[in-house]
Amino acid sequence: MSVKIIQDKLDSYKCRSTQEEDYALKEITQELVLNSLYNSGFFKKAAFQGGTALRILHGLMRFSEDLDFVLLKPNKSFDLNTYLSSINAELRAFGYDVKVERRSSANAVQNTFLKDDSLGRLLKVQSPKAEGPKRVLKIKLEVDTNPPAGAKTETKFLNFPINFSVTAHDVPSLFAGKSHALLCRDYIKGRDWFDFIWYVGQRAVPNFEFLSNALEQFGSWKGKSVKADINWYRKEMARKIKEVNWDKAKADIQRFLRPVDVKTLELWNENFFLDCLKQVGTNAK
């Protein structure tokens, strides 16, 4: 029965390629992990953030790889291992084979722009696909144990595999976190810019208190007491947009999109993103 539940959920995606099916299986698995974390009380201590939060909670039209979380209060003694047995049991109940690996902090910084005081784990799972061979999936979990102050949270509800809730950063705080990544990464990640377009379309404004504290804690402006506001934001983001190699940005994001959405990448250039930037802070919700 558990395998059929996974297969029925997978069928609902109406995938048109093996790659789309792989991402759909990964997303299904991510939701099972979120349900396990809810059951174990994780969301009393931590909030969901990042691109996967946008995808699962807000319908962002791209697939995502990582499950990123942030503690509600700094706690360097937090132990992610406490929750791994629950995740293992949840996935095995649905027919998965599970292996857990520790991720080094250096690797985390390079790949997901997280700090040295983040905890990371990599779940290697074989999916219980009812039709055809099992797929090997990698689900990355990261928890920021020393978060900047100022983020706001909200409760969001999901209904797979059953009804449950997660604590997540609200949209302005998510936008602030994404803006911090856009401003401070030293490599190009097209997925960040795709998310930026989504925030602009939502008429969102970053939580500037949270962004200022993040800048103070980590990145190019560390220790400089920057007080971000809309004018500072537009100036620094415009500078960043003019530095981006848009061909590389498009190459990064393309594999995370459905074929029907790839055509939108034809718009990606400096002028397009500068125009998007002008819309931030105008007609805000």
Protein backbone atom coordinates (compact mmCIF):
# COMPACT_ATOMS: atom_id res chain seq x y z
CA MET A 1 0.00 0.00 0.00
CA SER A 2 2.79 2.46 0.86
CA VAL A 3 4.40 1.96 -2.54
CA LYS A 4 1.05 2.63 -4.22
CA ILE A 5 0.72 5.92 -2.30
CA ILE A 6 4.08 7.02 -3.67
CA GLN A 7 3.17 5.89 -7.19
CA ASP A 8 -0.21 7.66 -7.12
CA LYS A 9 1.47 10.87 -5.98
CA LEU A 10 4.09 10.51 -8.70
CA ASP A 11 1.42 9.96 -11.35
CA SER A 12 -0.23 13.24 -10.32
CA TYR A 13 2.85 15.14 -11.56
CA LYS A 14 2.25 13.95 -15.14
CA CYS A 15 5.98 13.86 -15.82
CA ARG A 16 7.13 13.98 -19.42
CA SER A 17 10.74 12.91 -19.01
CA THR A 18 12.96 10.80 -16.79
CA GLN A 19 14.53 13.97 -15.39
CA GLU A 20 11.14 15.40 -14.42
CA GLU A 21 10.25 12.08 -12.80
CA ASP A 22 13.48 12.08 -10.79
CA TYR A 23 12.77 15.58 -9.48
CA ALA A 24 9.18 14.64 -8.70
CA LEU A 25 10.34 11.60 -6.71
CA LYS A 26 12.80 13.78 -4.84
CA GLU A 27 10.07 16.30 -4.01
CA ILE A 28 7.74 13.54 -2.80
CA THR A 29 10.54 12.27 -0.58
CA GLN A 30 11.19 15.79 0.73
CA GLU A 31 7.56 16.04 1.83
CA LEU A 32 7.84 12.71 3.65
CA VAL A 33 10.90 14.06 5.47
CA LEU A 34 9.01 17.24 6.41
CA ASN A 35 6.17 15.13 7.82
CA SER A 36 8.64 13.13 9.87
CA LEU A 37 10.19 16.33 11.24
CA TYR A 38 6.74 17.60 12.18
CA ASN A 39 5.97 14.36 14.02
CA SER A 40 9.22 14.56 15.97
CA GLY A 41 8.63 18.16 17.14
CA PHE A 42 11.37 19.66 14.98
CA PHE A 43 9.29 22.67 13.95
CA LYS A 44 9.00 23.82 17.55
CA LYS A 45 12.70 24.63 17.30
CA ALA A 46 13.32 25.38 13.65
CA ALA A 47 11.83 26.95 10.53
CA PHE A 48 11.83 25.86 6.89
CA GLN A 49 13.55 28.23 4.47
CA GLY A 50 15.19 28.36 1.03
CA GLY A 51 14.19 27.43 -2.49
CA THR A 52 12.54 24.15 -1.55
CA ALA A 53 10.32 26.03 0.89
CA LEU A 54 9.24 28.28 -1.99
CA ARG A 55 8.61 25.25 -4.18
CA ILE A 56 6.64 23.17 -1.71
CA LEU A 57 4.83 25.90 0.25
CA HIS A 58 4.31 28.55 -2.42
CA GLY A 59 4.26 26.70 -5.73
CA LEU A 60 7.51 28.03 -7.22
CA MET A 61 7.78 26.71 -10.78
CA ARG A 62 11.14 25.03 -10.45
CA PHE A 63 12.40 21.92 -8.75
CA SER A 64 14.82 22.18 -5.85
CA GLU A 65 17.44 19.97 -4.21
CA ASP A 66 18.01 20.87 -0.58
CA LEU A 67 15.94 21.04 2.60
CA ASP A 68 17.21 24.13 4.39
CA PHE A 69 16.22 25.02 7.94
CA VAL A 70 17.14 27.64 10.51
CA LEU A 71 16.78 27.41 14.27
CA LEU A 72 14.31 29.82 15.85
CA LYS A 73 16.99 30.68 18.44
CA PRO A 74 20.77 30.18 18.23
CA ASN A 75 21.83 26.89 19.74
CA LYS A 76 25.27 25.55 18.89
CA SER A 77 24.59 22.38 20.87
CA PHE A 78 21.63 21.48 18.66
CA ASP A 79 21.88 17.87 17.50
CA LEU A 80 20.37 17.03 14.12
CA ASN A 81 21.02 13.34 14.80
CA THR A 82 18.12 13.42 17.27
CA TYR A 83 15.72 13.57 14.33
CA LEU A 84 17.41 11.19 11.91
CA SER A 85 15.97 8.02 13.42
CA SER A 86 12.46 9.43 12.94
CA ILE A 87 13.23 10.29 9.31
CA ASN A 88 14.70 6.85 8.76
CA ALA A 89 11.62 5.14 10.21
CA GLU A 90 9.25 7.33 8.17
CA LEU A 91 10.96 6.64 4.87
CA ARG A 92 11.35 2.92 5.53
CA ALA A 93 7.64 2.73 6.33
CA PHE A 94 7.05 3.90 2.75
CA GLY A 95 9.45 1.35 1.31
CA TYR A 96 12.63 3.40 1.04
CA ASP A 97 16.15 2.13 1.66
CA VAL A 98 17.98 4.86 3.59
CA LYS A 99 21.61 5.76 4.27
CA VAL A 100 22.69 8.87 6.19
CA GLU A 101 25.99 10.68 5.65
CA ARG A 102 27.49 13.67 7.46
CA ARG A 103 28.20 16.72 5.31
CA SER A 104 31.29 18.76 6.17
CA SER A 105 30.83 22.45 6.91
CA ALA A 106 33.30 23.39 4.16
CA ASN A 107 31.26 21.45 1.61
CA ALA A 108 28.10 23.10 2.88
CA VAL A 109 29.54 26.58 2.39
CA GLN A 110 30.62 25.78 -1.16
CA ASN A 111 27.39 24.19 -2.31
CA THR A 112 24.54 25.77 -0.39
CA PHE A 113 25.98 29.01 0.97
CA LEU A 114 25.73 28.05 4.59
CA LYS A 115 27.99 29.00 7.45
CA ASP A 116 30.57 26.96 9.33
CA ASP A 117 28.15 26.62 12.25
CA SER A 118 25.56 24.89 10.09
CA LEU A 119 24.83 21.21 10.51
CA GLY A 120 24.49 19.07 7.41
CA ARG A 121 23.38 15.57 6.52
CA LEU A 122 22.94 13.81 3.21
CA LEU A 123 20.24 11.17 2.90
CA LYS A 124 20.90 8.62 0.17
CA VAL A 125 17.68 6.78 -0.51
CA GLN A 126 16.34 4.27 -2.98
CA SER A 127 12.80 5.19 -3.87
CA PRO A 128 10.02 2.57 -3.70
CA LYS A 129 8.79 3.23 -7.23
CA ALA A 130 6.06 0.79 -8.09
CA GLU A 131 6.86 0.72 -11.81
CA GLY A 132 10.36 0.10 -13.10
CA PRO A 133 13.66 0.04 -11.17
CA LYS A 134 14.24 1.90 -7.94
CA ARG A 135 15.89 5.33 -8.20
CA VAL A 136 18.76 6.47 -6.03
CA LEU A 137 18.01 9.95 -4.68
CA LYS A 138 20.03 12.39 -2.59
CA ILE A 139 18.17 14.59 -0.11
CA LYS A 140 20.35 17.22 1.56
CA LEU A 141 19.41 18.58 4.98
CA GLU A 142 21.02 21.71 6.40
CA VAL A 143 20.27 23.50 9.66
CA ASP A 144 21.66 26.94 10.52
CA THR A 145 22.33 26.75 14.26
CA ASN A 146 23.33 30.42 14.64
CA PRO A 147 20.74 32.39 12.66
CA PRO A 148 20.68 36.18 12.29
CA ALA A 149 17.99 37.93 14.32
CA GLY A 150 14.92 39.52 12.81
CA ALA A 151 13.25 36.78 10.77
CA LYS A 152 9.51 36.30 11.03
CA THR A 153 7.74 32.96 10.73
CA GLU A 154 4.35 31.60 9.79
CA THR A 155 2.59 28.24 9.93
CA LYS A 156 1.93 26.51 6.61
CA PHE A 157 -0.10 23.35 6.04
CA LEU A 158 0.59 20.36 3.82
CA ASN A 159 -1.54 17.31 3.06
CA PHE A 160 0.91 14.64 1.90
CA PRO A 161 1.31 11.96 3.13
CA ILE A 162 -1.27 13.20 5.68
CA ASN A 163 -2.30 16.62 6.94
CA PHE A 164 0.46 18.32 8.94
CA SER A 165 2.03 21.73 9.44
CA VAL A 166 5.48 23.28 9.19
CA THR A 167 6.93 26.44 10.65
CA ALA A 168 8.52 28.51 7.88
CA HIS A 169 10.00 31.92 7.30
CA ASP A 170 7.39 34.29 5.92
CA VAL A 171 7.82 35.62 2.37
CA PRO A 172 9.63 38.89 3.31
CA SER A 173 12.11 36.91 5.44
CA LEU A 174 12.58 34.32 2.69
CA PHE A 175 13.22 37.19 0.25
CA ALA A 176 15.78 38.66 2.65
CA GLY A 177 17.56 35.32 2.90
CA LYS A 178 17.60 34.96 -0.87
CA SER A 179 18.81 38.55 -1.28
CA HIS A 180 21.67 37.87 1.12
CA ALA A 181 22.69 34.92 -1.02
CA LEU A 182 22.43 36.97 -4.24
CA LEU A 183 24.56 39.76 -2.80
CA CYS A 184 27.20 37.62 -1.10
CA ARG A 185 27.74 34.47 -3.16
CA ASP A 186 31.08 34.40 -4.94
CA TYR A 187 29.74 32.08 -7.64
CA ILE A 188 26.77 32.17 -10.00
CA LYS A 189 23.63 30.27 -9.11
CA GLY A 190 20.86 30.82 -11.64
CA ARG A 191 18.29 29.31 -9.31
CA ASP A 192 18.69 32.34 -7.03
CA TRP A 193 17.82 34.68 -9.87
CA PHE A 194 14.81 32.58 -10.86
CA ASP A 195 13.59 32.90 -7.28
CA PHE A 196 14.23 36.66 -7.38
CA ILE A 197 11.82 36.94 -10.33
CA TRP A 198 9.19 35.06 -8.30
CA TYR A 199 9.52 37.48 -5.38
CA VAL A 200 9.20 40.44 -7.73
CA GLY A 201 6.06 38.91 -9.21
CA GLN A 202 4.65 38.56 -5.70
CA ARG A 203 5.37 42.27 -5.07
CA ALA A 204 7.39 41.18 -2.05
CA VAL A 205 9.77 43.42 -0.13
CA PRO A 206 12.71 41.94 1.78
CA ASN A 207 12.66 41.95 5.56
CA PHE A 208 15.42 44.55 5.83
CA GLU A 209 16.04 44.01 9.54
CA PHE A 210 16.76 40.34 8.90
CA LEU A 211 18.86 41.16 5.82
CA SER A 212 20.93 43.71 7.77
CA ASN A 213 21.64 41.21 10.52
CA ALA A 214 22.58 38.54 7.98
CA LEU A 215 24.97 40.94 6.25
CA GLU A 216 26.54 41.78 9.61
CA GLN A 217 27.04 38.12 10.43
CA PHE A 218 28.32 36.60 7.20
CA GLY A 219 29.55 37.72 3.77
CA SER A 220 31.13 40.75 2.13
CA TRP A 221 29.62 43.26 4.59
CA LYS A 222 30.44 41.30 7.75
CA GLY A 223 31.20 43.61 10.66
CA LYS A 224 30.40 46.80 8.69
CA SER A 225 27.09 47.58 10.44
CA VAL A 226 25.15 47.99 7.20
CA LYS A 227 21.55 49.11 7.71
CA ALA A 228 19.85 47.89 4.56
CA ASP A 229 16.86 49.78 3.20
CA ILE A 230 15.24 49.98 -0.22
CA ASN A 231 17.74 52.55 -1.55
CA TRP A 232 20.77 50.59 -0.35
CA TYR A 233 19.21 47.42 -1.72
CA ARG A 234 18.55 48.79 -5.21
CA LYS A 235 22.07 50.21 -5.45
CA GLU A 236 23.86 47.02 -4.39
CA MET A 237 21.59 44.68 -6.31
CA ALA A 238 22.06 46.76 -9.48
CA ARG A 239 25.81 46.46 -9.04
CA LYS A 240 25.48 42.69 -8.65
CA ILE A 241 23.20 42.33 -11.69
CA LYS A 242 25.78 44.11 -13.87
CA GLU A 243 28.45 41.61 -12.78
CA VAL A 244 26.52 38.42 -13.58
CA ASN A 245 27.41 36.19 -16.52
CA TRP A 246 23.86 35.50 -17.64
CA ASP A 247 24.81 32.60 -19.91
CA LYS A 248 26.21 30.77 -16.88
CA ALA A 249 23.14 31.69 -14.83
CA LYS A 250 20.83 30.24 -17.49
CA ALA A 251 22.90 27.07 -17.74
CA ASP A 252 22.57 26.53 -13.97
CA ILE A 253 18.79 26.89 -13.81
CA GLN A 254 17.77 25.11 -17.00
CA ARG A 255 17.84 21.55 -15.64
CA PHE A 256 15.48 22.52 -12.80
CA LEU A 257 12.75 23.75 -15.15
CA ARG A 258 10.04 22.01 -17.10
CA PRO A 259 10.62 22.22 -20.87
CA VAL A 260 7.64 24.55 -21.20
CA ASP A 261 9.29 27.05 -18.82
CA VAL A 262 12.77 27.00 -20.39
CA LYS A 263 11.74 29.52 -23.06
CA THR A 264 11.45 32.24 -20.41
CA LEU A 265 15.25 32.15 -20.09
CA GLU A 266 15.46 34.00 -23.41
CA LEU A 267 14.58 37.13 -21.43
CA TRP A 268 17.49 36.78 -19.03
CA ASN A 269 19.96 39.62 -19.43
CA GLU A 270 21.15 42.66 -17.51
CA ASN A 271 18.35 44.94 -18.68
CA PHE A 272 15.63 42.45 -17.79
CA PHE A 273 16.84 42.05 -14.22
CA LEU A 274 17.45 45.76 -13.75
CA ASP A 275 13.82 46.29 -14.76
CA CYS A 276 12.72 43.63 -12.25
CA LEU A 277 14.76 45.39 -9.57
CA LYS A 278 12.95 48.68 -10.20
CA GLN A 279 9.70 46.95 -9.19
CA VAL A 280 10.91 45.95 -5.71
CA GLY A 281 9.32 48.22 -3.15
CA THR A 282 6.71 49.66 -5.53
CA ASN A 283 3.07 48.64 -5.16
CA ALA A 284 4.09 46.26 -2.38
CA LYS A 285 1.48 43.96 -0.89
